[in-house]
């Protein structure tokens, strides 16, 4: 896809009278040289991997560090007992975000959406919809193109890398992509997709990337939950006619500016933020010692 702005995508929808996903798909075909069938087959494959990751989740699995795994199972069990505030779709979103992010930490197969560190956000909001019969395969595939379109603009105008822009560039972008996808599934307009994206990214502006021990586990996994729940909230606000007042492209540019202003200690180096707390440093020592013993 060759879009450099959300505004450009929306304007093309208006000019052509085509839905947003079609505009994004056609742009992708023009740039990639793929046929429509080839592109759709690849999107189907990615969705199948997201489904397989969830289906293959095992609550007994743990990451190499021992600090990640089993939390999605806890959420599912608590939801089944009725002890959570969240239930139904929202409890499922929480559990699915944890599932995929935990699978990433356990070195299983995931889809970077848009990054490995934010892999749980998009499947978390989409899988429960399909399983509850609220979105069929065709709707989900269209929504994935919507998400990809917005993600491509972020990559073009700013960054999707935590090492460059902090976690706002990873979970923040994923949350915006998921919010736009959700609006499309509900039949929202292209403008509402853009509003949802902008509000979701705005809500996570300034989020630093401070992985404890340099691992994509603490606090990364739980941030996938926040990104997913934020996406649902932003989508609902946009569908209700709420606006964030700052256009999507300007939000992306602001995110880039904030990322550039961040200390390098807060951009995936595992030095500042939570990684620099006493407990964070202690965990780092444990992980380092364990790795050293394995090497010996």
C-alpha atoms as a PDB file:
ATOM      1  CA  UNK A   1       0.000   0.000   0.000  1.00  0.00           C
ATOM      2  CA  UNK A   2       1.279   3.435  -0.879  1.00  0.00           C
ATOM      3  CA  UNK A   3      -0.893   5.748   1.210  1.00  0.00           C
ATOM      4  CA  UNK A   4       0.987   8.418   3.119  1.00  0.00           C
ATOM      5  CA  UNK A   5      -2.040   9.731   4.990  1.00  0.00           C
ATOM      6  CA  UNK A   6      -5.401   8.657   6.346  1.00  0.00           C
ATOM      7  CA  UNK A   7      -6.870  11.762   4.733  1.00  0.00           C
ATOM      8  CA  UNK A   8      -5.783  10.412   1.337  1.00  0.00           C
ATOM      9  CA  UNK A   9      -7.559   7.095   1.974  1.00  0.00           C
ATOM     10  CA  UNK A  10     -10.774   8.794   3.061  1.00  0.00           C
ATOM     11  CA  UNK A  11     -10.762  11.208   0.125  1.00  0.00           C
ATOM     12  CA  UNK A  12     -10.309   8.347  -2.331  1.00  0.00           C
ATOM     13  CA  UNK A  13     -13.337   6.620  -0.825  1.00  0.00           C
ATOM     14  CA  UNK A  14     -15.405   9.751  -1.382  1.00  0.00           C
ATOM     15  CA  UNK A  15     -14.163  10.269  -4.932  1.00  0.00           C
ATOM     16  CA  UNK A  16     -14.564   6.674  -6.033  1.00  0.00           C
ATOM     17  CA  UNK A  17     -17.665   5.783  -4.048  1.00  0.00           C
ATOM     18  CA  UNK A  18     -15.916   2.574  -3.000  1.00  0.00           C
ATOM     19  CA  UNK A  19     -15.792   1.197   0.549  1.00  0.00           C
ATOM     20  CA  UNK A  20     -12.605   1.771   2.533  1.00  0.00           C
ATOM     21  CA  UNK A  21     -11.454  -1.844   2.465  1.00  0.00           C
ATOM     22  CA  UNK A  22     -11.742  -1.887  -1.346  1.00  0.00           C
ATOM     23  CA  UNK A  23      -9.656   1.265  -1.674  1.00  0.00           C
ATOM     24  CA  UNK A  24      -6.994  -0.219   0.583  1.00  0.00           C
ATOM     25  CA  UNK A  25      -7.034  -3.573  -1.214  1.00  0.00           C
ATOM     26  CA  UNK A  26      -6.711  -1.981  -4.654  1.00  0.00           C
ATOM     27  CA  UNK A  27      -3.792   0.128  -3.460  1.00  0.00           C
ATOM     28  CA  UNK A  28      -2.095  -2.985  -2.127  1.00  0.00           C
ATOM     29  CA  UNK A  29      -2.605  -4.828  -5.408  1.00  0.00           C
ATOM     30  CA  UNK A  30      -1.152  -1.929  -7.392  1.00  0.00           C
ATOM     31  CA  UNK A  31       1.940  -1.792  -5.207  1.00  0.00           C
ATOM     32  CA  UNK A  32       2.529  -5.507  -4.633  1.00  0.00           C
ATOM     33  CA  UNK A  33       1.680  -6.780  -8.106  1.00  0.00           C
ATOM     34  CA  UNK A  34      -0.431  -9.535  -6.575  1.00  0.00           C
ATOM     35  CA  UNK A  35      -3.763 -10.587  -8.005  1.00  0.00           C
ATOM     36  CA  UNK A  36      -6.862 -10.086  -5.888  1.00  0.00           C
ATOM     37  CA  UNK A  37      -7.067 -13.826  -5.336  1.00  0.00           C
ATOM     38  CA  UNK A  38      -3.437 -13.976  -4.173  1.00  0.00           C
ATOM     39  CA  UNK A  39      -3.851 -11.070  -1.774  1.00  0.00           C
ATOM     40  CA  UNK A  40      -7.063 -12.445  -0.321  1.00  0.00           C
ATOM     41  CA  UNK A  41      -5.474 -15.882   0.051  1.00  0.00           C
ATOM     42  CA  UNK A  42      -2.610 -14.367   2.038  1.00  0.00           C
ATOM     43  CA  UNK A  43      -5.014 -12.469   4.289  1.00  0.00           C
ATOM     44  CA  UNK A  44      -6.940 -15.693   4.814  1.00  0.00           C
ATOM     45  CA  UNK A  45      -3.679 -17.422   5.779  1.00  0.00           C
ATOM     46  CA  UNK A  46      -2.831 -14.734   8.328  1.00  0.00           C
ATOM     47  CA  UNK A  47      -6.291 -14.995   9.862  1.00  0.00           C
ATOM     48  CA  UNK A  48      -5.927 -18.782  10.013  1.00  0.00           C
ATOM     49  CA  UNK A  49      -2.650 -18.367  11.918  1.00  0.00           C
ATOM     50  CA  UNK A  50      -4.353 -16.027  14.408  1.00  0.00           C
ATOM     51  CA  UNK A  51      -7.067 -18.619  14.945  1.00  0.00           C
ATOM     52  CA  UNK A  52      -4.560 -21.453  15.285  1.00  0.00           C
ATOM     53  CA  UNK A  53      -2.521 -19.494  17.835  1.00  0.00           C
ATOM     54  CA  UNK A  54      -5.597 -19.087  20.004  1.00  0.00           C
ATOM     55  CA  UNK A  55      -6.752 -22.672  19.527  1.00  0.00           C
ATOM     56  CA  UNK A  56      -3.297 -24.003  20.378  1.00  0.00           C
ATOM     57  CA  UNK A  57      -2.932 -22.011  23.588  1.00  0.00           C
ATOM     58  CA  UNK A  58      -1.983 -24.072  26.638  1.00  0.00           C
ATOM     59  CA  UNK A  59      -2.310 -22.572  30.101  1.00  0.00           C
ATOM     60  CA  UNK A  60       0.536 -24.750  31.345  1.00  0.00           C
ATOM     61  CA  UNK A  61       3.064 -23.267  28.929  1.00  0.00           C
ATOM     62  CA  UNK A  62       5.673 -20.887  30.319  1.00  0.00           C
ATOM     63  CA  UNK A  63       8.264 -18.696  28.654  1.00  0.00           C
ATOM     64  CA  UNK A  64      11.971 -19.417  29.028  1.00  0.00           C
ATOM     65  CA  UNK A  65      12.181 -16.813  31.813  1.00  0.00           C
ATOM     66  CA  UNK A  66       9.265 -18.362  33.696  1.00  0.00           C
ATOM     67  CA  UNK A  67       7.612 -14.962  34.056  1.00  0.00           C
ATOM     68  CA  UNK A  68       5.029 -15.348  31.262  1.00  0.00           C
ATOM     69  CA  UNK A  69       2.254 -17.876  30.711  1.00  0.00           C
ATOM     70  CA  UNK A  70      -0.998 -19.068  32.203  1.00  0.00           C
ATOM     71  CA  UNK A  71      -2.701 -15.697  32.644  1.00  0.00           C
ATOM     72  CA  UNK A  72      -5.232 -16.149  29.855  1.00  0.00           C
ATOM     73  CA  UNK A  73      -6.343 -19.378  31.514  1.00  0.00           C
ATOM     74  CA  UNK A  74      -6.803 -17.493  34.791  1.00  0.00           C
ATOM     75  CA  UNK A  75      -9.005 -14.889  33.116  1.00  0.00           C
ATOM     76  CA  UNK A  76     -11.108 -17.574  31.423  1.00  0.00           C
ATOM     77  CA  UNK A  77     -11.546 -19.432  34.698  1.00  0.00           C
ATOM     78  CA  UNK A  78     -12.468 -16.282  36.613  1.00  0.00           C
ATOM     79  CA  UNK A  79     -14.958 -15.251  33.916  1.00  0.00           C
ATOM     80  CA  UNK A  80     -16.582 -18.680  34.073  1.00  0.00           C
ATOM     81  CA  UNK A  81     -17.018 -18.242  37.832  1.00  0.00           C
ATOM     82  CA  UNK A  82     -18.600 -14.809  37.391  1.00  0.00           C
ATOM     83  CA  UNK A  83     -16.110 -12.964  39.583  1.00  0.00           C
ATOM     84  CA  UNK A  84     -15.027 -10.411  36.971  1.00  0.00           C
ATOM     85  CA  UNK A  85     -16.554  -7.060  36.127  1.00  0.00           C
ATOM     86  CA  UNK A  86     -16.055  -7.939  32.470  1.00  0.00           C
ATOM     87  CA  UNK A  87     -18.092 -10.757  31.011  1.00  0.00           C
ATOM     88  CA  UNK A  88     -19.114 -12.063  27.624  1.00  0.00           C
ATOM     89  CA  UNK A  89     -17.314 -10.376  24.755  1.00  0.00           C
ATOM     90  CA  UNK A  90     -15.176  -8.167  26.987  1.00  0.00           C
ATOM     91  CA  UNK A  91     -13.853 -11.055  29.063  1.00  0.00           C
ATOM     92  CA  UNK A  92     -13.085 -12.910  25.855  1.00  0.00           C
ATOM     93  CA  UNK A  93     -11.164  -9.899  24.525  1.00  0.00           C
ATOM     94  CA  UNK A  94      -9.019  -9.828  27.664  1.00  0.00           C
ATOM     95  CA  UNK A  95      -8.281 -13.540  27.497  1.00  0.00           C
ATOM     96  CA  UNK A  96      -7.520 -13.549  23.771  1.00  0.00           C
ATOM     97  CA  UNK A  97      -5.087 -10.631  24.069  1.00  0.00           C
ATOM     98  CA  UNK A  98      -3.242 -12.525  26.792  1.00  0.00           C
ATOM     99  CA  UNK A  99      -3.308 -15.777  24.829  1.00  0.00           C
ATOM    100  CA  UNK A 100      -1.580 -14.427  21.746  1.00  0.00           C
ATOM    101  CA  UNK A 101       0.928 -12.317  23.667  1.00  0.00           C
ATOM    102  CA  UNK A 102       1.779 -15.272  25.911  1.00  0.00           C
ATOM    103  CA  UNK A 103       2.237 -17.496  22.865  1.00  0.00           C
ATOM    104  CA  UNK A 104       4.675 -14.913  21.525  1.00  0.00           C
ATOM    105  CA  UNK A 105       6.651 -14.999  24.789  1.00  0.00           C
ATOM    106  CA  UNK A 106       6.639 -18.808  24.653  1.00  0.00           C
ATOM    107  CA  UNK A 107       8.128 -18.713  21.138  1.00  0.00           C
ATOM    108  CA  UNK A 108       5.041 -20.052  19.414  1.00  0.00           C
ATOM    109  CA  UNK A 109       3.720 -18.986  16.024  1.00  0.00           C
ATOM    110  CA  UNK A 110       1.974 -15.607  15.939  1.00  0.00           C
ATOM    111  CA  UNK A 111       1.161 -12.854  13.449  1.00  0.00           C
ATOM    112  CA  UNK A 112       2.986  -9.560  13.978  1.00  0.00           C
ATOM    113  CA  UNK A 113       0.013  -7.199  13.926  1.00  0.00           C
ATOM    114  CA  UNK A 114       1.758  -4.886  13.379  1.00  0.00           C
ATOM    115  CA  UNK A 115       4.618  -6.108  15.627  1.00  0.00           C
ATOM    116  CA  UNK A 116       5.307  -9.194  17.713  1.00  0.00           C
ATOM    117  CA  UNK A 117       5.074  -7.121  20.884  1.00  0.00           C
ATOM    118  CA  UNK A 118       1.553  -5.988  19.944  1.00  0.00           C
ATOM    119  CA  UNK A 119       0.436  -9.258  18.354  1.00  0.00           C
ATOM    120  CA  UNK A 120      -2.463  -9.835  20.739  1.00  0.00           C
ATOM    121  CA  UNK A 121      -4.534  -6.704  20.123  1.00  0.00           C
ATOM    122  CA  UNK A 122      -6.083  -7.336  16.718  1.00  0.00           C
ATOM    123  CA  UNK A 123      -6.944 -11.036  17.162  1.00  0.00           C
ATOM    124  CA  UNK A 124      -8.306 -10.255  20.624  1.00  0.00           C
ATOM    125  CA  UNK A 125     -11.074  -8.031  19.292  1.00  0.00           C
ATOM    126  CA  UNK A 126     -11.849 -10.109  16.186  1.00  0.00           C
ATOM    127  CA  UNK A 127     -11.761 -13.742  17.321  1.00  0.00           C
ATOM    128  CA  UNK A 128     -14.581 -13.397  19.893  1.00  0.00           C
ATOM    129  CA  UNK A 129     -16.793 -11.688  17.299  1.00  0.00           C
ATOM    130  CA  UNK A 130     -16.476 -14.556  14.870  1.00  0.00           C
ATOM    131  CA  UNK A 131     -16.888 -17.205  17.559  1.00  0.00           C
ATOM    132  CA  UNK A 132     -20.048 -15.501  18.804  1.00  0.00           C
ATOM    133  CA  UNK A 133     -21.468 -15.328  15.285  1.00  0.00           C
ATOM    134  CA  UNK A 134     -21.220 -11.551  15.181  1.00  0.00           C
ATOM    135  CA  UNK A 135     -18.859 -11.426  12.199  1.00  0.00           C
ATOM    136  CA  UNK A 136     -18.380 -13.933   9.399  1.00  0.00           C
ATOM    137  CA  UNK A 137     -15.112 -14.721   7.594  1.00  0.00           C
ATOM    138  CA  UNK A 138     -15.763 -12.161   4.867  1.00  0.00           C
ATOM    139  CA  UNK A 139     -16.354  -9.371   7.396  1.00  0.00           C
ATOM    140  CA  UNK A 140     -13.214 -10.274   9.310  1.00  0.00           C
ATOM    141  CA  UNK A 141     -11.100 -10.323   6.145  1.00  0.00           C
ATOM    142  CA  UNK A 142     -12.390  -6.881   5.150  1.00  0.00           C
ATOM    143  CA  UNK A 143     -11.623  -5.636   8.648  1.00  0.00           C
ATOM    144  CA  UNK A 144      -8.067  -6.968   8.410  1.00  0.00           C
ATOM    145  CA  UNK A 145      -7.531  -4.912   5.249  1.00  0.00           C
ATOM    146  CA  UNK A 146      -8.856  -1.874   7.109  1.00  0.00           C
ATOM    147  CA  UNK A 147      -6.405  -2.508   9.939  1.00  0.00           C
ATOM    148  CA  UNK A 148      -3.543  -2.998   7.487  1.00  0.00           C
ATOM    149  CA  UNK A 149      -4.327   0.259   5.723  1.00  0.00           C
ATOM    150  CA  UNK A 150      -4.135   2.303   8.903  1.00  0.00           C
ATOM    151  CA  UNK A 151      -1.029   0.458  10.034  1.00  0.00           C
ATOM    152  CA  UNK A 152       0.693   1.204   6.742  1.00  0.00           C
ATOM    153  CA  UNK A 153       0.049   4.921   7.181  1.00  0.00           C
ATOM    154  CA  UNK A 154       1.587   4.824  10.661  1.00  0.00           C
ATOM    155  CA  UNK A 155       4.644   3.083   9.211  1.00  0.00           C
ATOM    156  CA  UNK A 156       4.903   5.688   6.456  1.00  0.00           C
ATOM    157  CA  UNK A 157       4.420   8.790   8.627  1.00  0.00           C
ATOM    158  CA  UNK A 158       6.004   7.645  11.888  1.00  0.00           C
ATOM    159  CA  UNK A 159       7.139   4.205  13.050  1.00  0.00           C
ATOM    160  CA  UNK A 160       5.808   0.898  14.320  1.00  0.00           C
ATOM    161  CA  UNK A 161       8.969   0.082  16.267  1.00  0.00           C
ATOM    162  CA  UNK A 162       9.194   0.380  20.027  1.00  0.00           C
ATOM    163  CA  UNK A 163      12.916   1.022  19.676  1.00  0.00           C
ATOM    164  CA  UNK A 164      12.100   4.193  17.748  1.00  0.00           C
ATOM    165  CA  UNK A 165       8.803   5.417  19.147  1.00  0.00           C
ATOM    166  CA  UNK A 166       8.120   3.573  22.390  1.00  0.00           C
ATOM    167  CA  UNK A 167       5.203   1.253  23.052  1.00  0.00           C
ATOM    168  CA  UNK A 168       2.807   3.873  21.688  1.00  0.00           C
ATOM    169  CA  UNK A 169       4.179   2.916  18.281  1.00  0.00           C
ATOM    170  CA  UNK A 170       3.455  -0.778  18.850  1.00  0.00           C
ATOM    171  CA  UNK A 171       0.449  -1.300  21.120  1.00  0.00           C
ATOM    172  CA  UNK A 172      -0.827   2.200  20.331  1.00  0.00           C
ATOM    173  CA  UNK A 173      -0.797   1.573  16.586  1.00  0.00           C
ATOM    174  CA  UNK A 174      -2.269  -1.911  17.037  1.00  0.00           C
ATOM    175  CA  UNK A 175      -5.063  -0.456  19.148  1.00  0.00           C
ATOM    176  CA  UNK A 176      -5.878   2.131  16.502  1.00  0.00           C
ATOM    177  CA  UNK A 177      -5.830  -0.507  13.776  1.00  0.00           C
ATOM    178  CA  UNK A 178      -8.161  -2.733  15.804  1.00  0.00           C
ATOM    179  CA  UNK A 179     -10.525   0.152  16.550  1.00  0.00           C
ATOM    180  CA  UNK A 180     -10.862   0.978  12.858  1.00  0.00           C
ATOM    181  CA  UNK A 181     -11.440  -2.696  12.050  1.00  0.00           C
ATOM    182  CA  UNK A 182     -14.211  -2.937  14.633  1.00  0.00           C
ATOM    183  CA  UNK A 183     -15.995   0.119  13.248  1.00  0.00           C
ATOM    184  CA  UNK A 184     -15.950  -1.377   9.768  1.00  0.00           C
ATOM    185  CA  UNK A 185     -17.453  -4.652  10.994  1.00  0.00           C
ATOM    186  CA  UNK A 186     -20.336  -2.700  12.534  1.00  0.00           C
ATOM    187  CA  UNK A 187     -20.977  -0.940   9.246  1.00  0.00           C
ATOM    188  CA  UNK A 188     -19.413   2.354  10.243  1.00  0.00           C
ATOM    189  CA  UNK A 189     -18.234   4.882   7.687  1.00  0.00           C
ATOM    190  CA  UNK A 190     -14.664   5.471   6.575  1.00  0.00           C
ATOM    191  CA  UNK A 191     -14.712   8.700   8.569  1.00  0.00           C
ATOM    192  CA  UNK A 192     -15.793   6.817  11.686  1.00  0.00           C
ATOM    193  CA  UNK A 193     -12.995   4.297  11.143  1.00  0.00           C
ATOM    194  CA  UNK A 194     -10.552   7.203  11.086  1.00  0.00           C
ATOM    195  CA  UNK A 195     -12.065   8.718  14.226  1.00  0.00           C
ATOM    196  CA  UNK A 196     -11.836   5.430  16.090  1.00  0.00           C
ATOM    197  CA  UNK A 197      -8.239   4.976  15.010  1.00  0.00           C
ATOM    198  CA  UNK A 198      -7.325   8.502  16.059  1.00  0.00           C
ATOM    199  CA  UNK A 199      -8.979   8.247  19.470  1.00  0.00           C
ATOM    200  CA  UNK A 200      -7.417   4.869  20.205  1.00  0.00           C
ATOM    201  CA  UNK A 201      -3.928   6.073  19.312  1.00  0.00           C
ATOM    202  CA  UNK A 202      -4.488   9.321  21.215  1.00  0.00           C
ATOM    203  CA  UNK A 203      -5.386   7.405  24.359  1.00  0.00           C
ATOM    204  CA  UNK A 204      -2.023   5.617  24.316  1.00  0.00           C
ATOM    205  CA  UNK A 205       0.116   8.551  23.202  1.00  0.00           C
ATOM    206  CA  UNK A 206       3.306   8.750  25.237  1.00  0.00           C
ATOM    207  CA  UNK A 207       3.354   5.075  26.229  1.00  0.00           C
ATOM    208  CA  UNK A 208       6.983   4.116  26.756  1.00  0.00           C
ATOM    209  CA  UNK A 209       8.679   0.839  25.866  1.00  0.00           C
ATOM    210  CA  UNK A 210      10.342  -0.446  29.043  1.00  0.00           C
ATOM    211  CA  UNK A 211      10.584  -4.253  28.825  1.00  0.00           C
ATOM    212  CA  UNK A 212      11.868  -5.800  32.034  1.00  0.00           C
ATOM    213  CA  UNK A 213      15.074  -7.741  31.394  1.00  0.00           C
ATOM    214  CA  UNK A 214      14.709  -6.760  27.750  1.00  0.00           C
ATOM    215  CA  UNK A 215      12.060  -9.443  27.226  1.00  0.00           C
ATOM    216  CA  UNK A 216       8.726  -8.958  25.479  1.00  0.00           C
ATOM    217  CA  UNK A 217       6.879 -10.111  28.595  1.00  0.00           C
ATOM    218  CA  UNK A 218       6.669  -7.555  31.419  1.00  0.00           C
ATOM    219  CA  UNK A 219       4.741  -5.267  30.916  1.00  0.00           C
ATOM    220  CA  UNK A 220       4.240  -5.994  27.228  1.00  0.00           C
ATOM    221  CA  UNK A 221       1.747  -8.833  27.569  1.00  0.00           C
ATOM    222  CA  UNK A 222      -0.680  -6.935  29.783  1.00  0.00           C
ATOM    223  CA  UNK A 223      -0.407  -3.887  27.568  1.00  0.00           C
ATOM    224  CA  UNK A 224      -1.924  -5.967  24.777  1.00  0.00           C
ATOM    225  CA  UNK A 225      -5.027  -6.256  26.949  1.00  0.00           C
ATOM    226  CA  UNK A 226      -5.136  -2.489  27.432  1.00  0.00           C
ATOM    227  CA  UNK A 227      -4.681  -1.953  23.707  1.00  0.00           C
ATOM    228  CA  UNK A 228      -7.541  -4.322  22.884  1.00  0.00           C
ATOM    229  CA  UNK A 229      -9.957  -2.906  25.448  1.00  0.00           C
ATOM    230  CA  UNK A 230      -9.031   0.626  24.385  1.00  0.00           C
ATOM    231  CA  UNK A 231      -9.807  -0.320  20.786  1.00  0.00           C
ATOM    232  CA  UNK A 232     -13.319  -1.460  21.708  1.00  0.00           C
ATOM    233  CA  UNK A 233     -13.957   1.766  23.623  1.00  0.00           C
ATOM    234  CA  UNK A 234     -12.683   3.950  20.787  1.00  0.00           C
ATOM    235  CA  UNK A 235     -14.740   2.029  18.228  1.00  0.00           C
ATOM    236  CA  UNK A 236     -17.897   2.396  20.296  1.00  0.00           C
ATOM    237  CA  UNK A 237     -17.322   6.116  20.769  1.00  0.00           C
ATOM    238  CA  UNK A 238     -16.813   6.614  17.035  1.00  0.00           C
ATOM    239  CA  UNK A 239     -19.926   4.583  16.205  1.00  0.00           C
ATOM    240  CA  UNK A 240     -21.876   6.737  18.639  1.00  0.00           C
ATOM    241  CA  UNK A 241     -20.757   9.871  16.808  1.00  0.00           C
ATOM    242  CA  UNK A 242     -18.106  10.946  19.308  1.00  0.00           C
ATOM    243  CA  UNK A 243     -15.099  12.686  17.750  1.00  0.00           C
ATOM    244  CA  UNK A 244     -11.598  13.207  19.067  1.00  0.00           C
ATOM    245  CA  UNK A 245     -11.170  16.582  17.309  1.00  0.00           C
ATOM    246  CA  UNK A 246      -7.545  15.942  16.266  1.00  0.00           C
ATOM    247  CA  UNK A 247      -7.407  14.322  12.788  1.00  0.00           C
ATOM    248  CA  UNK A 248      -5.810  10.887  12.489  1.00  0.00           C
ATOM    249  CA  UNK A 249      -2.795  12.089  10.517  1.00  0.00           C
ATOM    250  CA  UNK A 250      -2.036  14.765  13.080  1.00  0.00           C
ATOM    251  CA  UNK A 251      -2.309  12.207  15.868  1.00  0.00           C
ATOM    252  CA  UNK A 252       0.204  10.004  14.052  1.00  0.00           C
ATOM    253  CA  UNK A 253       2.546  12.955  13.603  1.00  0.00           C
ATOM    254  CA  UNK A 254       2.210  13.844  17.280  1.00  0.00           C
ATOM    255  CA  UNK A 255       3.011  10.262  18.218  1.00  0.00           C
ATOM    256  CA  UNK A 256       6.170  10.453  16.114  1.00  0.00           C
ATOM    257  CA  UNK A 257       7.173  13.708  17.769  1.00  0.00           C
ATOM    258  CA  UNK A 258       6.641  12.266  21.242  1.00  0.00           C
ATOM    259  CA  UNK A 259       8.603   9.151  20.312  1.00  0.00           C
ATOM    260  CA  UNK A 260      11.522  11.204  19.070  1.00  0.00           C
ATOM    261  CA  UNK A 261      11.518  13.161  22.328  1.00  0.00           C
ATOM    262  CA  UNK A 262      11.655  10.044  24.503  1.00  0.00           C
ATOM    263  CA  UNK A 263      14.853   9.149  26.267  1.00  0.00           C
ATOM    264  CA  UNK A 264      16.581   6.130  24.728  1.00  0.00           C
ATOM    265  CA  UNK A 265      16.175   4.512  28.147  1.00  0.00           C
ATOM    266  CA  UNK A 266      12.434   4.366  27.417  1.00  0.00           C
ATOM    267  CA  UNK A 267      12.672   2.915  23.922  1.00  0.00           C
ATOM    268  CA  UNK A 268      13.052  -0.852  24.224  1.00  0.00           C
ATOM    269  CA  UNK A 269      16.490  -0.755  25.838  1.00  0.00           C
ATOM    270  CA  UNK A 270      15.360  -2.360  29.094  1.00  0.00           C
ATOM    271  CA  UNK A 271      16.977   0.428  31.104  1.00  0.00           C
ATOM    272  CA  UNK A 272      14.360   2.921  32.293  1.00  0.00           C
ATOM    273  CA  UNK A 273      10.751   2.848  33.402  1.00  0.00           C
ATOM    274  CA  UNK A 274       9.580  -0.448  34.864  1.00  0.00           C
ATOM    275  CA  UNK A 275      12.805  -2.113  33.749  1.00  0.00           C
ATOM    276  CA  UNK A 276      14.730   0.261  36.018  1.00  0.00           C
ATOM    277  CA  UNK A 277      12.680  -0.350  39.167  1.00  0.00           C
ATOM    278  CA  UNK A 278      14.223  -2.408  41.987  1.00  0.00           C
ATOM    279  CA  UNK A 279      12.002  -5.365  41.115  1.00  0.00           C
ATOM    280  CA  UNK A 280      12.659  -4.929  37.417  1.00  0.00           C
ATOM    281  CA  UNK A 281      16.402  -4.988  37.986  1.00  0.00           C
ATOM    282  CA  UNK A 282      16.069  -8.028  40.260  1.00  0.00           C
ATOM    283  CA  UNK A 283      14.154  -9.913  37.566  1.00  0.00           C
ATOM    284  CA  UNK A 284      16.843  -8.965  35.063  1.00  0.00           C
ATOM    285  CA  UNK A 285      19.502 -10.426  37.356  1.00  0.00           C
ATOM    286  CA  UNK A 286      17.532 -13.657  37.708  1.00  0.00           C
ATOM    287  CA  UNK A 287      17.060 -13.970  33.960  1.00  0.00           C
ATOM    288  CA  UNK A 288      20.698 -13.139  33.274  1.00  0.00           C
ATOM    289  CA  UNK A 289      21.883 -15.668  35.849  1.00  0.00           C
ATOM    290  CA  UNK A 290      19.609 -18.375  34.426  1.00  0.00           C
ATOM    291  CA  UNK A 291      20.843 -17.703  30.908  1.00  0.00           C
ATOM    292  CA  UNK A 292      24.401 -17.871  32.121  1.00  0.00           C
ATOM    293  CA  UNK A 293      23.810 -21.231  33.767  1.00  0.00           C
ATOM    294  CA  UNK A 294      22.248 -22.566  30.567  1.00  0.00           C
ATOM    295  CA  UNK A 295      25.252 -21.395  28.556  1.00  0.00           C
ATOM    296  CA  UNK A 296      27.638 -23.124  31.003  1.00  0.00           C
END
